[in-house]
Amino acid sequence: MKVGIIPINIGVQSAGDIVQTAQLVESLGYESVWTFEHVVVPVNYDSKYPYNKSGNMGAAPETNFVDPLIALAAVASATTTLRLATGVNILSQVNPIYMAKQAASLDFISNGRFMLGVGIGWLREEFEALGVPFERRGARFDDYVMGMRKIWSGEVVSHESDFISWNGFKSYPLPIQNPFPVIMGGVKGKIFERTAQLGKGWFAPTGDPAELMNHMKTLQKECDAIGRDISEIEITCMWPGIGGRDFLGELEAVGVSRVVMPMMGQGDPMETLRKIAEEVIA
């Protein structure tokens, strides 16, 4: 089982916090570091966070949300084997050419270690602050993924849709990895249809084996509907760091090949990292 941590970019006080944590987890044998993203955190919002019963994301507006790709670029420069991932970036609210360029550049400078986790977003107030329509964000997301794949192909790009009008350009460098891994994040809406059609991986914001089993059945149905082998899709889920190897074995039996452990709320994060490494990695 691959083991990563999340998030490496939230609540940090300096670049050193990010880099030193990454170097430690690499030395301990962790496979990856992941980020969260919000460009802005509204002081007040009516939108409900879908993965917390309170409906609150749990981060104050003053929390340091270091830009995920900048944080991971710093990690890339200070590590050699650690994989880098966004968990997730909100694709529907950004310019897809910039996202394709930044993702390819990060994969290039990290020598093929980057995985782009993306989601459609839930925070209407953030979309409004960025001047991006909240409506049709799912359809926009799908179109952006298809458009970015054309950019990463290295061919002359031509793409006309409700959201994109591109013609006659290329964007280099290309990603080192081919195909470049785009990971779909979430459990709501059409996520399983999107994952089957567009994803190299799926990131589940849960670590409950029974819940994951039900989700995997849904994903299997979507894969069957288009003739795709579900084994082509790498499954990542959250793991609170409990249960040791036995619990990880339960997740593996469901189809999970990577877990990421949340670092927020840990009493002594560095000591926790060492303890978990001794229990399940060493």
C-alpha atoms as a PDB file:
ATOM      1  CA  MET A   1       0.000   0.000   0.000  1.00  0.00           C
ATOM      2  CA  LYS A   2       1.311   3.436  -0.945  1.00  0.00           C
ATOM      3  CA  VAL A   3       1.096   5.993   1.858  1.00  0.00           C
ATOM      4  CA  GLY A   4       1.009   9.769   1.455  1.00  0.00           C
ATOM      5  CA  ILE A   5       0.171  12.803   3.578  1.00  0.00           C
ATOM      6  CA  ILE A   6      -2.234  15.706   3.082  1.00  0.00           C
ATOM      7  CA  PRO A   7      -2.102  18.707   3.109  1.00  0.00           C
ATOM      8  CA  ILE A   8       1.465  19.930   2.947  1.00  0.00           C
ATOM      9  CA  ASN A   9       0.486  23.519   2.079  1.00  0.00           C
ATOM     10  CA  ILE A  10      -2.085  24.538   4.712  1.00  0.00           C
ATOM     11  CA  GLY A  11      -1.367  26.364   7.955  1.00  0.00           C
ATOM     12  CA  VAL A  12       2.375  26.514   7.328  1.00  0.00           C
ATOM     13  CA  GLN A  13       4.397  29.451   8.605  1.00  0.00           C
ATOM     14  CA  SER A  14       7.245  29.384   6.098  1.00  0.00           C
ATOM     15  CA  ALA A  15       8.582  27.685   2.981  1.00  0.00           C
ATOM     16  CA  GLY A  16      10.869  25.771   5.314  1.00  0.00           C
ATOM     17  CA  ASP A  17       7.859  24.078   6.914  1.00  0.00           C
ATOM     18  CA  ILE A  18       6.821  22.696   3.526  1.00  0.00           C
ATOM     19  CA  VAL A  19      10.268  21.617   2.376  1.00  0.00           C
ATOM     20  CA  GLN A  20      11.413  20.115   5.676  1.00  0.00           C
ATOM     21  CA  THR A  21       8.203  18.105   6.046  1.00  0.00           C
ATOM     22  CA  ALA A  22       8.561  16.800   2.497  1.00  0.00           C
ATOM     23  CA  GLN A  23      12.186  15.816   3.036  1.00  0.00           C
ATOM     24  CA  LEU A  24      11.268  14.016   6.250  1.00  0.00           C
ATOM     25  CA  VAL A  25       8.439  11.992   4.708  1.00  0.00           C
ATOM     26  CA  GLU A  26      10.639  11.078   1.740  1.00  0.00           C
ATOM     27  CA  SER A  27      13.355   9.828   4.106  1.00  0.00           C
ATOM     28  CA  LEU A  28      10.765   7.787   6.033  1.00  0.00           C
ATOM     29  CA  GLY A  29       9.525   6.040   2.889  1.00  0.00           C
ATOM     30  CA  TYR A  30       6.229   7.830   2.282  1.00  0.00           C
ATOM     31  CA  GLU A  31       5.180   7.750  -1.355  1.00  0.00           C
ATOM     32  CA  SER A  32       3.552  11.150  -1.877  1.00  0.00           C
ATOM     33  CA  VAL A  33       2.563  14.569  -0.545  1.00  0.00           C
ATOM     34  CA  TRP A  34      -0.759  16.186  -1.396  1.00  0.00           C
ATOM     35  CA  THR A  35      -2.271  19.661  -1.220  1.00  0.00           C
ATOM     36  CA  PHE A  36      -5.650  21.290  -0.634  1.00  0.00           C
ATOM     37  CA  GLU A  37      -6.787  24.381  -2.532  1.00  0.00           C
ATOM     38  CA  HIS A  38      -8.837  27.470  -1.953  1.00  0.00           C
ATOM     39  CA  VAL A  39      -7.832  30.698  -3.656  1.00  0.00           C
ATOM     40  CA  VAL A  40      -9.921  32.685  -1.189  1.00  0.00           C
ATOM     41  CA  VAL A  41     -11.779  31.764   1.991  1.00  0.00           C
ATOM     42  CA  PRO A  42     -14.945  33.860   2.424  1.00  0.00           C
ATOM     43  CA  VAL A  43     -15.456  35.374   5.851  1.00  0.00           C
ATOM     44  CA  ASN A  44     -19.090  34.256   5.662  1.00  0.00           C
ATOM     45  CA  TYR A  45     -20.596  31.754   3.265  1.00  0.00           C
ATOM     46  CA  ASP A  46     -23.889  29.946   2.763  1.00  0.00           C
ATOM     47  CA  SER A  47     -22.420  27.107   0.684  1.00  0.00           C
ATOM     48  CA  LYS A  48     -22.219  23.792   2.531  1.00  0.00           C
ATOM     49  CA  TYR A  49     -18.971  21.841   2.581  1.00  0.00           C
ATOM     50  CA  PRO A  50     -20.106  18.400   1.372  1.00  0.00           C
ATOM     51  CA  TYR A  51     -17.651  16.293   3.411  1.00  0.00           C
ATOM     52  CA  ASN A  52     -18.374  17.599   6.895  1.00  0.00           C
ATOM     53  CA  LYS A  53     -21.705  17.291   8.728  1.00  0.00           C
ATOM     54  CA  SER A  54     -21.338  20.849   9.977  1.00  0.00           C
ATOM     55  CA  GLY A  55     -21.150  22.143   6.402  1.00  0.00           C
ATOM     56  CA  ASN A  56     -18.059  24.133   7.371  1.00  0.00           C
ATOM     57  CA  MET A  57     -14.676  23.539   5.735  1.00  0.00           C
ATOM     58  CA  GLY A  58     -12.924  23.998   9.072  1.00  0.00           C
ATOM     59  CA  ALA A  59     -10.395  26.614   7.982  1.00  0.00           C
ATOM     60  CA  ALA A  60     -10.453  30.250   9.074  1.00  0.00           C
ATOM     61  CA  PRO A  61     -10.111  32.964   6.402  1.00  0.00           C
ATOM     62  CA  GLU A  62      -6.705  33.831   7.862  1.00  0.00           C
ATOM     63  CA  THR A  63      -5.334  30.313   7.351  1.00  0.00           C
ATOM     64  CA  ASN A  64      -2.289  30.188   5.079  1.00  0.00           C
ATOM     65  CA  PHE A  65      -3.429  28.356   1.936  1.00  0.00           C
ATOM     66  CA  VAL A  66      -0.164  28.345  -0.030  1.00  0.00           C
ATOM     67  CA  ASP A  67      -0.865  27.912  -3.742  1.00  0.00           C
ATOM     68  CA  PRO A  68      -0.691  24.143  -4.358  1.00  0.00           C
ATOM     69  CA  LEU A  69       1.477  24.181  -7.460  1.00  0.00           C
ATOM     70  CA  ILE A  70       3.932  26.671  -5.980  1.00  0.00           C
ATOM     71  CA  ALA A  71       4.176  24.581  -2.806  1.00  0.00           C
ATOM     72  CA  LEU A  72       4.735  21.412  -4.826  1.00  0.00           C
ATOM     73  CA  ALA A  73       7.348  23.121  -7.005  1.00  0.00           C
ATOM     74  CA  ALA A  74       9.277  23.888  -3.815  1.00  0.00           C
ATOM     75  CA  VAL A  75       8.954  20.234  -2.803  1.00  0.00           C
ATOM     76  CA  ALA A  76      10.061  19.069  -6.254  1.00  0.00           C
ATOM     77  CA  SER A  77      13.271  21.090  -5.986  1.00  0.00           C
ATOM     78  CA  ALA A  78      14.143  19.590  -2.590  1.00  0.00           C
ATOM     79  CA  THR A  79      13.264  15.903  -3.145  1.00  0.00           C
ATOM     80  CA  THR A  80      14.047  13.198  -5.690  1.00  0.00           C
ATOM     81  CA  THR A  81      11.551  10.331  -5.382  1.00  0.00           C
ATOM     82  CA  LEU A  82       8.519  11.750  -3.587  1.00  0.00           C
ATOM     83  CA  ARG A  83       5.415  11.965  -5.749  1.00  0.00           C
ATOM     84  CA  LEU A  84       3.484  15.241  -5.766  1.00  0.00           C
ATOM     85  CA  ALA A  85      -0.290  15.616  -6.023  1.00  0.00           C
ATOM     86  CA  THR A  86      -3.123  18.093  -5.682  1.00  0.00           C
ATOM     87  CA  GLY A  87      -6.038  16.824  -3.683  1.00  0.00           C
ATOM     88  CA  VAL A  88      -7.779  18.639  -5.293  1.00  0.00           C
ATOM     89  CA  ASN A  89      -7.461  21.777  -7.399  1.00  0.00           C
ATOM     90  CA  ILE A  90     -10.748  23.363  -8.409  1.00  0.00           C
ATOM     91  CA  LEU A  91     -10.505  23.096 -12.170  1.00  0.00           C
ATOM     92  CA  SER A  92     -13.890  24.650 -12.989  1.00  0.00           C
ATOM     93  CA  GLN A  93     -12.853  28.072 -11.678  1.00  0.00           C
ATOM     94  CA  VAL A  94      -9.517  28.531 -13.470  1.00  0.00           C
ATOM     95  CA  ASN A  95      -8.192  29.156 -16.963  1.00  0.00           C
ATOM     96  CA  PRO A  96      -7.557  25.666 -18.401  1.00  0.00           C
ATOM     97  CA  ILE A  97      -4.623  26.781 -20.567  1.00  0.00           C
ATOM     98  CA  TYR A  98      -2.821  28.071 -17.487  1.00  0.00           C
ATOM     99  CA  MET A  99      -3.661  24.910 -15.581  1.00  0.00           C
ATOM    100  CA  ALA A 100      -2.416  22.698 -18.422  1.00  0.00           C
ATOM    101  CA  LYS A 101       0.778  24.765 -18.663  1.00  0.00           C
ATOM    102  CA  GLN A 102       1.450  24.725 -14.921  1.00  0.00           C
ATOM    103  CA  ALA A 103       0.725  21.006 -14.571  1.00  0.00           C
ATOM    104  CA  ALA A 104       2.986  20.116 -17.488  1.00  0.00           C
ATOM    105  CA  SER A 105       5.736  22.391 -16.158  1.00  0.00           C
ATOM    106  CA  LEU A 106       5.566  20.859 -12.683  1.00  0.00           C
ATOM    107  CA  ASP A 107       5.704  17.350 -14.137  1.00  0.00           C
ATOM    108  CA  PHE A 108       8.660  18.456 -16.263  1.00  0.00           C
ATOM    109  CA  ILE A 109      10.719  19.973 -13.436  1.00  0.00           C
ATOM    110  CA  SER A 110       9.932  17.055 -11.099  1.00  0.00           C
ATOM    111  CA  ASN A 111      10.945  14.482 -13.731  1.00  0.00           C
ATOM    112  CA  GLY A 112       7.506  12.929 -13.969  1.00  0.00           C
ATOM    113  CA  ARG A 113       6.402  12.941 -10.320  1.00  0.00           C
ATOM    114  CA  PHE A 114       3.248  15.082 -10.468  1.00  0.00           C
ATOM    115  CA  MET A 115      -0.387  13.929 -10.357  1.00  0.00           C
ATOM    116  CA  LEU A 116      -3.120  16.496 -11.002  1.00  0.00           C
ATOM    117  CA  GLY A 117      -6.102  15.902  -8.744  1.00  0.00           C
ATOM    118  CA  VAL A 118      -9.088  18.017  -9.765  1.00  0.00           C
ATOM    119  CA  GLY A 119     -12.662  18.689  -8.662  1.00  0.00           C
ATOM    120  CA  ILE A 120     -15.623  20.768  -9.760  1.00  0.00           C
ATOM    121  CA  GLY A 121     -15.849  22.848  -6.570  1.00  0.00           C
ATOM    122  CA  TRP A 122     -18.590  23.488  -4.031  1.00  0.00           C
ATOM    123  CA  LEU A 123     -17.986  27.026  -2.700  1.00  0.00           C
ATOM    124  CA  ARG A 124     -20.201  29.375  -4.728  1.00  0.00           C
ATOM    125  CA  GLU A 125     -18.792  32.416  -2.964  1.00  0.00           C
ATOM    126  CA  GLU A 126     -15.273  31.562  -4.155  1.00  0.00           C
ATOM    127  CA  PHE A 127     -16.446  31.305  -7.764  1.00  0.00           C
ATOM    128  CA  GLU A 128     -18.165  34.678  -7.383  1.00  0.00           C
ATOM    129  CA  ALA A 129     -14.998  36.273  -5.999  1.00  0.00           C
ATOM    130  CA  LEU A 130     -13.091  34.981  -9.033  1.00  0.00           C
ATOM    131  CA  GLY A 131     -15.748  36.174 -11.469  1.00  0.00           C
ATOM    132  CA  VAL A 132     -16.509  32.643 -12.704  1.00  0.00           C
ATOM    133  CA  PRO A 133     -20.073  31.273 -13.092  1.00  0.00           C
ATOM    134  CA  PHE A 134     -20.952  28.618 -10.529  1.00  0.00           C
ATOM    135  CA  GLU A 135     -23.620  27.222 -12.837  1.00  0.00           C
ATOM    136  CA  ARG A 136     -22.628  24.505 -15.338  1.00  0.00           C
ATOM    137  CA  ARG A 137     -19.338  24.000 -13.535  1.00  0.00           C
ATOM    138  CA  GLY A 138     -19.595  20.233 -14.078  1.00  0.00           C
ATOM    139  CA  ALA A 139     -19.922  20.537 -17.841  1.00  0.00           C
ATOM    140  CA  ARG A 140     -17.140  23.136 -17.841  1.00  0.00           C
ATOM    141  CA  PHE A 141     -14.932  20.770 -15.843  1.00  0.00           C
ATOM    142  CA  ASP A 142     -15.411  17.921 -18.346  1.00  0.00           C
ATOM    143  CA  ASP A 143     -14.649  20.195 -21.265  1.00  0.00           C
ATOM    144  CA  TYR A 144     -11.546  21.605 -19.592  1.00  0.00           C
ATOM    145  CA  VAL A 145     -10.128  18.118 -18.986  1.00  0.00           C
ATOM    146  CA  MET A 146     -10.653  17.179 -22.631  1.00  0.00           C
ATOM    147  CA  GLY A 147      -9.108  20.457 -23.770  1.00  0.00           C
ATOM    148  CA  MET A 148      -6.067  20.106 -21.528  1.00  0.00           C
ATOM    149  CA  ARG A 149      -5.428  16.625 -22.879  1.00  0.00           C
ATOM    150  CA  LYS A 150      -5.179  18.136 -26.343  1.00  0.00           C
ATOM    151  CA  ILE A 151      -2.606  20.628 -25.059  1.00  0.00           C
ATOM    152  CA  TRP A 152      -0.566  17.822 -23.482  1.00  0.00           C
ATOM    153  CA  SER A 153      -0.609  15.812 -26.727  1.00  0.00           C
ATOM    154  CA  GLY A 154       1.970  18.110 -28.324  1.00  0.00           C
ATOM    155  CA  GLU A 155      -0.170  18.447 -31.436  1.00  0.00           C
ATOM    156  CA  VAL A 156      -1.611  21.675 -32.814  1.00  0.00           C
ATOM    157  CA  VAL A 157      -4.581  22.428 -30.565  1.00  0.00           C
ATOM    158  CA  SER A 158      -8.090  22.880 -31.952  1.00  0.00           C
ATOM    159  CA  HIS A 159     -11.053  22.807 -29.572  1.00  0.00           C
ATOM    160  CA  GLU A 160     -14.428  24.515 -29.942  1.00  0.00           C
ATOM    161  CA  SER A 161     -17.148  24.183 -27.304  1.00  0.00           C
ATOM    162  CA  ASP A 162     -19.517  26.172 -25.099  1.00  0.00           C
ATOM    163  CA  PHE A 163     -16.567  27.026 -22.857  1.00  0.00           C
ATOM    164  CA  ILE A 164     -13.445  26.961 -25.030  1.00  0.00           C
ATOM    165  CA  SER A 165     -12.476  28.440 -28.385  1.00  0.00           C
ATOM    166  CA  TRP A 166      -8.919  27.345 -29.158  1.00  0.00           C
ATOM    167  CA  ASN A 167      -7.238  27.036 -32.503  1.00  0.00           C
ATOM    168  CA  GLY A 168      -3.728  26.856 -33.888  1.00  0.00           C
ATOM    169  CA  PHE A 169      -1.296  26.754 -30.979  1.00  0.00           C
ATOM    170  CA  LYS A 170       1.007  24.438 -29.031  1.00  0.00           C
ATOM    171  CA  SER A 171       2.208  24.639 -25.434  1.00  0.00           C
ATOM    172  CA  TYR A 172       5.523  23.180 -24.295  1.00  0.00           C
ATOM    173  CA  PRO A 173       7.054  21.601 -22.266  1.00  0.00           C
ATOM    174  CA  LEU A 174       4.909  18.516 -22.396  1.00  0.00           C
ATOM    175  CA  PRO A 175       4.435  16.420 -19.265  1.00  0.00           C
ATOM    176  CA  ILE A 176       7.056  13.726 -18.761  1.00  0.00           C
ATOM    177  CA  GLN A 177       4.347  11.158 -18.012  1.00  0.00           C
ATOM    178  CA  ASN A 178       2.286   9.929 -20.930  1.00  0.00           C
ATOM    179  CA  PRO A 179      -0.581   9.619 -20.329  1.00  0.00           C
ATOM    180  CA  PHE A 180      -0.419  12.357 -17.746  1.00  0.00           C
ATOM    181  CA  PRO A 181      -2.336  11.314 -14.586  1.00  0.00           C
ATOM    182  CA  VAL A 182      -5.493  13.321 -13.952  1.00  0.00           C
ATOM    183  CA  ILE A 183      -7.216  12.214 -10.736  1.00  0.00           C
ATOM    184  CA  MET A 184     -10.905  12.893 -10.156  1.00  0.00           C
ATOM    185  CA  GLY A 185     -11.783  13.888  -6.599  1.00  0.00           C
ATOM    186  CA  GLY A 186     -15.056  13.533  -4.707  1.00  0.00           C
ATOM    187  CA  VAL A 187     -18.088  11.297  -4.273  1.00  0.00           C
ATOM    188  CA  LYS A 188     -20.904  13.633  -5.321  1.00  0.00           C
ATOM    189  CA  GLY A 189     -22.834  14.164  -8.541  1.00  0.00           C
ATOM    190  CA  LYS A 190     -21.433  12.570 -11.678  1.00  0.00           C
ATOM    191  CA  ILE A 191     -18.008  11.848 -10.201  1.00  0.00           C
ATOM    192  CA  PHE A 192     -18.049   8.145 -11.059  1.00  0.00           C
ATOM    193  CA  GLU A 193     -19.147   8.745 -14.634  1.00  0.00           C
ATOM    194  CA  ARG A 194     -16.403  11.372 -14.959  1.00  0.00           C
ATOM    195  CA  THR A 195     -13.801   9.088 -13.437  1.00  0.00           C
ATOM    196  CA  ALA A 196     -14.676   6.239 -15.783  1.00  0.00           C
ATOM    197  CA  GLN A 197     -14.579   8.502 -18.823  1.00  0.00           C
ATOM    198  CA  LEU A 198     -11.773  10.938 -18.006  1.00  0.00           C
ATOM    199  CA  GLY A 199      -9.765   9.849 -14.968  1.00  0.00           C
ATOM    200  CA  LYS A 200      -6.463   8.054 -14.524  1.00  0.00           C
ATOM    201  CA  GLY A 201      -7.341   7.862 -10.851  1.00  0.00           C
ATOM    202  CA  TRP A 202     -10.030   8.539  -8.271  1.00  0.00           C
ATOM    203  CA  PHE A 203      -9.457  10.285  -4.919  1.00  0.00           C
ATOM    204  CA  ALA A 204     -12.111   9.425  -2.343  1.00  0.00           C
ATOM    205  CA  PRO A 205     -12.507  11.815   0.625  1.00  0.00           C
ATOM    206  CA  THR A 206     -13.369   8.879   2.884  1.00  0.00           C
ATOM    207  CA  GLY A 207     -11.576   5.905   4.362  1.00  0.00           C
ATOM    208  CA  ASP A 208     -14.531   3.760   5.378  1.00  0.00           C
ATOM    209  CA  PRO A 209     -14.247   0.327   3.716  1.00  0.00           C
ATOM    210  CA  ALA A 210     -18.026  -0.247   3.541  1.00  0.00           C
ATOM    211  CA  GLU A 211     -18.639   3.166   2.004  1.00  0.00           C
ATOM    212  CA  LEU A 212     -15.784   2.650  -0.426  1.00  0.00           C
ATOM    213  CA  MET A 213     -17.167  -0.736  -1.441  1.00  0.00           C
ATOM    214  CA  ASN A 214     -20.472   0.873  -2.432  1.00  0.00           C
ATOM    215  CA  HIS A 215     -18.681   3.592  -4.372  1.00  0.00           C
ATOM    216  CA  MET A 216     -16.532   1.014  -6.144  1.00  0.00           C
ATOM    217  CA  LYS A 217     -19.666  -0.818  -7.283  1.00  0.00           C
ATOM    218  CA  THR A 218     -20.926   2.420  -8.811  1.00  0.00           C
ATOM    219  CA  LEU A 219     -17.584   3.077 -10.483  1.00  0.00           C
ATOM    220  CA  GLN A 220     -17.554  -0.484 -11.823  1.00  0.00           C
ATOM    221  CA  LYS A 221     -20.973   0.061 -13.415  1.00  0.00           C
ATOM    222  CA  GLU A 222     -19.790   3.252 -15.091  1.00  0.00           C
ATOM    223  CA  CYS A 223     -16.658   1.509 -16.386  1.00  0.00           C
ATOM    224  CA  ASP A 224     -18.705  -1.413 -17.689  1.00  0.00           C
ATOM    225  CA  ALA A 225     -21.013   1.000 -19.508  1.00  0.00           C
ATOM    226  CA  ILE A 226     -18.145   2.299 -21.642  1.00  0.00           C
ATOM    227  CA  GLY A 227     -16.090  -0.888 -21.793  1.00  0.00           C
ATOM    228  CA  ARG A 228     -13.267   0.325 -19.566  1.00  0.00           C
ATOM    229  CA  ASP A 229     -11.261  -1.926 -17.252  1.00  0.00           C
ATOM    230  CA  ILE A 230     -11.593  -0.532 -13.729  1.00  0.00           C
ATOM    231  CA  SER A 231      -8.077  -1.763 -12.942  1.00  0.00           C
ATOM    232  CA  GLU A 232      -6.793   1.093 -15.145  1.00  0.00           C
ATOM    233  CA  ILE A 233      -8.011   3.543 -12.480  1.00  0.00           C
ATOM    234  CA  GLU A 234      -5.791   4.024  -9.425  1.00  0.00           C
ATOM    235  CA  ILE A 235      -7.811   4.412  -6.228  1.00  0.00           C
ATOM    236  CA  THR A 236      -6.662   6.768  -3.475  1.00  0.00           C
ATOM    237  CA  CYS A 237      -8.543   7.396  -0.241  1.00  0.00           C
ATOM    238  CA  MET A 238      -8.193   9.224   3.045  1.00  0.00           C
ATOM    239  CA  TRP A 239      -6.872   7.320   6.063  1.00  0.00           C
ATOM    240  CA  PRO A 240      -6.830   8.708   9.614  1.00  0.00           C
ATOM    241  CA  GLY A 241      -3.716   6.738  10.534  1.00  0.00           C
ATOM    242  CA  ILE A 242      -5.492   4.134  12.662  1.00  0.00           C
ATOM    243  CA  GLY A 243      -5.813   0.373  12.456  1.00  0.00           C
ATOM    244  CA  GLY A 244      -2.321  -0.295  11.161  1.00  0.00           C
ATOM    245  CA  ARG A 245      -1.625  -2.910   8.507  1.00  0.00           C
ATOM    246  CA  ASP A 246      -4.852  -4.816   9.190  1.00  0.00           C
ATOM    247  CA  PHE A 247      -7.013  -1.818   8.350  1.00  0.00           C
ATOM    248  CA  LEU A 248      -4.918  -1.015   5.286  1.00  0.00           C
ATOM    249  CA  GLY A 249      -5.461  -4.608   4.221  1.00  0.00           C
ATOM    250  CA  GLU A 250      -9.225  -4.033   4.345  1.00  0.00           C
ATOM    251  CA  LEU A 251      -8.862  -0.995   2.126  1.00  0.00           C
ATOM    252  CA  GLU A 252      -6.625  -2.893  -0.281  1.00  0.00           C
ATOM    253  CA  ALA A 253      -9.255  -5.644  -0.538  1.00  0.00           C
ATOM    254  CA  VAL A 254     -11.761  -3.013  -1.674  1.00  0.00           C
ATOM    255  CA  GLY A 255      -9.402  -1.869  -4.417  1.00  0.00           C
ATOM    256  CA  VAL A 256      -7.475   0.984  -2.792  1.00  0.00           C
ATOM    257  CA  SER A 257      -3.798   1.205  -3.746  1.00  0.00           C
ATOM    258  CA  ARG A 258      -2.901   4.472  -1.962  1.00  0.00           C
ATOM    259  CA  VAL A 259      -3.955   6.141   1.272  1.00  0.00           C
ATOM    260  CA  VAL A 260      -3.269   9.714   2.300  1.00  0.00           C
ATOM    261  CA  MET A 261      -3.169  10.668   5.947  1.00  0.00           C
ATOM    262  CA  PRO A 262      -4.502  14.075   7.043  1.00  0.00           C
ATOM    263  CA  MET A 263      -1.932  16.047   9.021  1.00  0.00           C
ATOM    264  CA  MET A 264      -4.335  18.667  10.351  1.00  0.00           C
ATOM    265  CA  GLY A 265      -5.353  17.958  13.931  1.00  0.00           C
ATOM    266  CA  GLN A 266      -2.339  15.779  14.722  1.00  0.00           C
ATOM    267  CA  GLY A 267      -0.829  16.612  18.107  1.00  0.00           C
ATOM    268  CA  ASP A 268       2.816  16.426  17.011  1.00  0.00           C
ATOM    269  CA  PRO A 269       2.807  15.964  13.214  1.00  0.00           C
ATOM    270  CA  MET A 270       6.472  15.049  12.943  1.00  0.00           C
ATOM    271  CA  GLU A 271       6.232  12.419  15.669  1.00  0.00           C
ATOM    272  CA  THR A 272       3.059  11.054  14.077  1.00  0.00           C
ATOM    273  CA  LEU A 273       4.834  10.729  10.733  1.00  0.00           C
ATOM    274  CA  ARG A 274       7.645   8.741  12.324  1.00  0.00           C
ATOM    275  CA  LYS A 275       5.238   6.526  14.266  1.00  0.00           C
ATOM    276  CA  ILE A 276       3.112   5.692  11.209  1.00  0.00           C
ATOM    277  CA  ALA A 277       6.209   4.993   9.141  1.00  0.00           C
ATOM    278  CA  GLU A 278       7.393   2.470  11.725  1.00  0.00           C
ATOM    279  CA  GLU A 279       3.964   0.808  11.830  1.00  0.00           C
ATOM    280  CA  VAL A 280       3.054   0.463   8.163  1.00  0.00           C
ATOM    281  CA  ILE A 281       5.986   1.494   5.940  1.00  0.00           C
ATOM    282  CA  ALA A 282       9.175   0.108   7.500  1.00  0.00           C
END
